[in-house]
PDB file of N, CA and C in Angstrom:
ATOM      1  N   MET A   1     -52.540  20.240 -25.410  1.00  0.00           N
ATOM      2  CA  MET A   1     -52.641  19.941 -23.367  1.00  0.00           C
ATOM      3  C   MET A   1     -53.370  18.926 -23.125  1.00  0.00           C
ATOM      4  N   TYR A   2     -52.998  17.933 -24.259  1.00  0.00           N
ATOM      5  CA  TYR A   2     -53.126  17.101 -24.003  1.00  0.00           C
ATOM      6  C   TYR A   2     -52.359  16.242 -23.020  1.00  0.00           C
ATOM      7  N   ILE A   3     -51.081  16.279 -22.724  1.00  0.00           N
ATOM      8  CA  ILE A   3     -49.703  16.130 -22.134  1.00  0.00           C
ATOM      9  C   ILE A   3     -50.348  16.373 -20.997  1.00  0.00           C
ATOM     10  N   LEU A   4     -50.718  17.503 -20.443  1.00  0.00           N
ATOM     11  CA  LEU A   4     -50.778  17.679 -18.916  1.00  0.00           C
ATOM     12  C   LEU A   4     -52.126  17.199 -18.618  1.00  0.00           C
ATOM     13  N   ILE A   5     -53.331  16.642 -19.101  1.00  0.00           N
ATOM     14  CA  ILE A   5     -54.081  16.165 -18.481  1.00  0.00           C
ATOM     15  C   ILE A   5     -53.718  14.542 -17.969  1.00  0.00           C
ATOM     16  N   LYS A   6     -52.624  14.125 -19.381  1.00  0.00           N
ATOM     17  CA  LYS A   6     -51.919  12.363 -19.319  1.00  0.00           C
ATOM     18  C   LYS A   6     -51.487  12.532 -17.728  1.00  0.00           C
ATOM     19  N   ALA A   7     -50.327  14.095 -17.973  1.00  0.00           N
ATOM     20  CA  ALA A   7     -49.663  13.290 -16.604  1.00  0.00           C
ATOM     21  C   ALA A   7     -50.708  13.392 -15.535  1.00  0.00           C
ATOM     22  N   ARG A   8     -51.585  14.330 -15.596  1.00  0.00           N
ATOM     23  CA  ARG A   8     -52.526  14.610 -14.270  1.00  0.00           C
ATOM     24  C   ARG A   8     -52.048  16.195 -13.636  1.00  0.00           C
ATOM     25  N   LEU A   9     -52.198  16.891 -14.519  1.00  0.00           N
ATOM     26  CA  LEU A   9     -51.056  17.695 -13.866  1.00  0.00           C
ATOM     27  C   LEU A   9     -52.742  19.072 -13.874  1.00  0.00           C
ATOM     28  N   ALA A  10     -53.444  18.720 -14.796  1.00  0.00           N
ATOM     29  CA  ALA A  10     -54.548  19.601 -15.061  1.00  0.00           C
ATOM     30  C   ALA A  10     -55.712  18.393 -15.872  1.00  0.00           C
ATOM     31  N   SER A  11     -57.146  19.197 -15.636  1.00  0.00           N
ATOM     32  CA  SER A  11     -58.628  18.433 -16.677  1.00  0.00           C
ATOM     33  C   SER A  11     -58.192  19.724 -17.080  1.00  0.00           C
ATOM     34  N   MET A  12     -59.302  18.903 -18.034  1.00  0.00           N
ATOM     35  CA  MET A  12     -59.901  19.575 -19.083  1.00  0.00           C
ATOM     36  C   MET A  12     -60.553  20.699 -19.012  1.00  0.00           C
ATOM     37  N   GLU A  13     -61.319  20.084 -18.164  1.00  0.00           N
ATOM     38  CA  GLU A  13     -62.207  20.541 -17.597  1.00  0.00           C
ATOM     39  C   GLU A  13     -61.533  21.984 -16.905  1.00  0.00           C
ATOM     40  N   GLU A  14     -60.113  21.962 -15.763  1.00  0.00           N
ATOM     41  CA  GLU A  14     -60.088  23.108 -15.633  1.00  0.00           C
ATOM     42  C   GLU A  14     -58.679  24.009 -16.375  1.00  0.00           C
ATOM     43  N   LEU A  15     -58.377  23.570 -17.548  1.00  0.00           N
ATOM     44  CA  LEU A  15     -57.722  24.119 -18.582  1.00  0.00           C
ATOM     45  C   LEU A  15     -58.929  24.875 -19.083  1.00  0.00           C
ATOM     46  N   LYS A  16     -59.659  24.508 -19.195  1.00  0.00           N
ATOM     47  CA  LYS A  16     -61.093  24.930 -19.861  1.00  0.00           C
ATOM     48  C   LYS A  16     -61.808  26.582 -19.329  1.00  0.00           C
ATOM     49  N   SER A  17     -61.469  26.079 -17.363  1.00  0.00           N
ATOM     50  CA  SER A  17     -62.431  27.393 -16.865  1.00  0.00           C
ATOM     51  C   SER A  17     -61.081  27.431 -16.056  1.00  0.00           C
ATOM     52  N   CYS A  18     -60.032  27.544 -15.757  1.00  0.00           N
ATOM     53  CA  CYS A  18     -59.493  27.917 -14.650  1.00  0.00           C
ATOM     54  C   CYS A  18     -57.965  28.884 -15.300  1.00  0.00           C
ATOM     55  N   TYR A  19     -57.544  28.282 -16.236  1.00  0.00           N
ATOM     56  CA  TYR A  19     -56.708  28.400 -17.086  1.00  0.00           C
ATOM     57  C   TYR A  19     -56.379  29.269 -18.113  1.00  0.00           C
ATOM     58  N   THR A  20     -55.557  30.279 -18.492  1.00  0.00           N
ATOM     59  CA  THR A  20     -55.433  31.015 -19.321  1.00  0.00           C
ATOM     60  C   THR A  20     -54.596  30.140 -20.198  1.00  0.00           C
ATOM     61  N   LEU A  21     -54.676  30.814 -21.676  1.00  0.00           N
ATOM     62  CA  LEU A  21     -53.841  29.973 -22.626  1.00  0.00           C
ATOM     63  C   LEU A  21     -52.262  30.202 -21.368  1.00  0.00           C
ATOM     64  N   ASP A  22     -51.858  31.404 -21.694  1.00  0.00           N
ATOM     65  CA  ASP A  22     -50.722  31.715 -21.204  1.00  0.00           C
ATOM     66  C   ASP A  22     -50.174  31.230 -20.355  1.00  0.00           C
ATOM     67  N   GLU A  23     -51.181  30.388 -19.021  1.00  0.00           N
ATOM     68  CA  GLU A  23     -50.545  29.773 -18.154  1.00  0.00           C
ATOM     69  C   GLU A  23     -50.864  28.191 -18.113  1.00  0.00           C
ATOM     70  N   ALA A  24     -51.100  28.157 -19.126  1.00  0.00           N
ATOM     71  CA  ALA A  24     -51.963  26.618 -20.063  1.00  0.00           C
ATOM     72  C   ALA A  24     -49.990  26.139 -20.402  1.00  0.00           C
ATOM     73  N   LEU A  25     -49.751  27.415 -20.593  1.00  0.00           N
ATOM     74  CA  LEU A  25     -48.387  26.893 -21.479  1.00  0.00           C
ATOM     75  C   LEU A  25     -47.185  26.761 -20.788  1.00  0.00           C
ATOM     76  N   LYS A  26     -47.486  27.546 -20.266  1.00  0.00           N
ATOM     77  CA  LYS A  26     -45.782  27.479 -18.760  1.00  0.00           C
ATOM     78  C   LYS A  26     -46.328  26.935 -18.072  1.00  0.00           C
ATOM     79  N   LEU A  27     -47.501  26.561 -17.782  1.00  0.00           N
ATOM     80  CA  LEU A  27     -47.031  24.240 -17.546  1.00  0.00           C
ATOM     81  C   LEU A  27     -46.680  23.892 -17.855  1.00  0.00           C
ATOM     82  N   TYR A  28     -47.153  23.658 -18.812  1.00  0.00           N
ATOM     83  CA  TYR A  28     -46.613  22.484 -20.295  1.00  0.00           C
ATOM     84  C   TYR A  28     -44.977  23.011 -19.971  1.00  0.00           C
ATOM     85  N   ALA A  29     -44.652  23.906 -20.003  1.00  0.00           N
ATOM     86  CA  ALA A  29     -43.211  24.775 -20.248  1.00  0.00           C
ATOM     87  C   ALA A  29     -42.802  24.125 -18.807  1.00  0.00           C
ATOM     88  N   LEU A  30     -43.102  23.931 -17.579  1.00  0.00           N
ATOM     89  CA  LEU A  30     -42.545  24.043 -16.439  1.00  0.00           C
ATOM     90  C   LEU A  30     -42.738  22.082 -16.374  1.00  0.00           C
ATOM     91  N   TYR A  31     -43.285  22.051 -17.165  1.00  0.00           N
ATOM     92  CA  TYR A  31     -43.542  20.252 -16.791  1.00  0.00           C
ATOM     93  C   TYR A  31     -42.309  20.059 -18.424  1.00  0.00           C
ATOM     94  N   SER A  32     -42.597  20.102 -19.247  1.00  0.00           N
ATOM     95  CA  SER A  32     -40.994  19.372 -19.763  1.00  0.00           C
ATOM     96  C   SER A  32     -39.970  20.450 -19.636  1.00  0.00           C
ATOM     97  N   MET A  33     -39.888  20.659 -18.759  1.00  0.00           N
ATOM     98  CA  MET A  33     -38.469  21.541 -18.038  1.00  0.00           C
ATOM     99  C   MET A  33     -37.640  20.179 -16.752  1.00  0.00           C
ATOM    100  N   ASP A  34     -38.867  19.902 -16.348  1.00  0.00           N
ATOM    101  CA  ASP A  34     -38.298  18.937 -15.039  1.00  0.00           C
ATOM    102  C   ASP A  34     -38.904  17.732 -15.809  1.00  0.00           C
ATOM    103  N   LEU A  35     -39.206  17.218 -16.977  1.00  0.00           N
ATOM    104  CA  LEU A  35     -38.713  15.866 -17.758  1.00  0.00           C
ATOM    105  C   LEU A  35     -37.088  15.984 -18.225  1.00  0.00           C
ATOM    106  N   ASP A  36     -36.990  16.867 -18.846  1.00  0.00           N
ATOM    107  CA  ASP A  36     -35.801  17.149 -18.762  1.00  0.00           C
ATOM    108  C   ASP A  36     -34.673  16.733 -18.697  1.00  0.00           C
ATOM    109  N   ILE A  37     -34.778  17.484 -17.156  1.00  0.00           N
ATOM    110  CA  ILE A  37     -33.394  17.371 -16.005  1.00  0.00           C
ATOM    111  C   ILE A  37     -34.062  16.004 -15.719  1.00  0.00           C
ATOM    112  N   GLU A  38     -35.123  15.248 -15.650  1.00  0.00           N
ATOM    113  CA  GLU A  38     -34.837  13.339 -15.141  1.00  0.00           C
ATOM    114  C   GLU A  38     -33.794  12.842 -15.967  1.00  0.00           C
ATOM    115  N   ARG A  39     -34.379  13.248 -17.442  1.00  0.00           N
ATOM    116  CA  ARG A  39     -33.714  12.691 -18.154  1.00  0.00           C
ATOM    117  C   ARG A  39     -31.945  12.697 -18.170  1.00  0.00           C
ATOM    118  N   MET A  40     -31.633  14.256 -17.984  1.00  0.00           N
ATOM    119  CA  MET A  40     -30.078  14.251 -18.208  1.00  0.00           C
ATOM    120  C   MET A  40     -29.299  13.684 -16.909  1.00  0.00           C
ATOM    121  N   LYS A  41     -30.296  13.932 -15.251  1.00  0.00           N
ATOM    122  CA  LYS A  41     -29.495  12.917 -13.890  1.00  0.00           C
ATOM    123  C   LYS A  41     -29.718  11.128 -14.305  1.00  0.00           C
ATOM    124  N   ILE A  42     -30.511  10.614 -15.258  1.00  0.00           N
ATOM    125  CA  ILE A  42     -30.603   9.661 -15.379  1.00  0.00           C
ATOM    126  C   ILE A  42     -29.092   9.209 -16.727  1.00  0.00           C
ATOM    127  N   ALA A  43     -29.233   9.798 -17.093  1.00  0.00           N
ATOM    128  CA  ALA A  43     -28.100   9.735 -18.473  1.00  0.00           C
ATOM    129  C   ALA A  43     -26.256  10.010 -17.427  1.00  0.00           C
ATOM    130  N   GLU A  44     -26.847  10.787 -16.489  1.00  0.00           N
ATOM    131  CA  GLU A  44     -25.471  11.509 -15.746  1.00  0.00           C
ATOM    132  C   GLU A  44     -25.637  10.061 -15.048  1.00  0.00           C
ATOM    133  N   MET A  45     -26.225   9.395 -14.047  1.00  0.00           N
ATOM    134  CA  MET A  45     -25.735   8.265 -13.233  1.00  0.00           C
ATOM    135  C   MET A  45     -25.780   7.179 -14.592  1.00  0.00           C
ATOM    136  N   LYS A  46     -26.150   6.918 -15.289  1.00  0.00           N
ATOM    137  CA  LYS A  46     -25.013   5.603 -16.383  1.00  0.00           C
ATOM    138  C   LYS A  46     -23.874   6.247 -16.963  1.00  0.00           C
ATOM    139  N   GLU A  47     -23.856   7.217 -17.191  1.00  0.00           N
ATOM    140  CA  GLU A  47     -22.085   7.651 -17.274  1.00  0.00           C
ATOM    141  C   GLU A  47     -21.210   7.462 -16.162  1.00  0.00           C
ATOM    142  N   GLY A  48     -21.821   7.184 -15.261  1.00  0.00           N
ATOM    143  CA  GLY A  48     -21.315   7.332 -13.852  1.00  0.00           C
ATOM    144  C   GLY A  48     -20.384   5.366 -13.734  1.00  0.00           C
ATOM    145  N   ARG A  49     -21.806   4.839 -14.225  1.00  0.00           N
ATOM    146  CA  ARG A  49     -21.895   3.629 -14.002  1.00  0.00           C
ATOM    147  C   ARG A  49     -20.466   3.582 -14.927  1.00  0.00           C
ATOM    148  N   ASP A  50     -20.433   2.956 -15.944  1.00  0.00           N
ATOM    149  CA  ASP A  50     -19.165   3.107 -17.576  1.00  0.00           C
ATOM    150  C   ASP A  50     -17.720   3.084 -16.856  1.00  0.00           C
TER     151      ASP A  50
END
């Protein structure tokens, strides 16, 4: 859950009081998928330049 805090998607207080564990895990999964998509786009752009 530290990753969510570091990414400024949620504060520790929010994670403790507003989100259930399931909701926090879904938020993390969405954030992780977004990072993967960005990495793939960057890789595709690099391949296009070669």
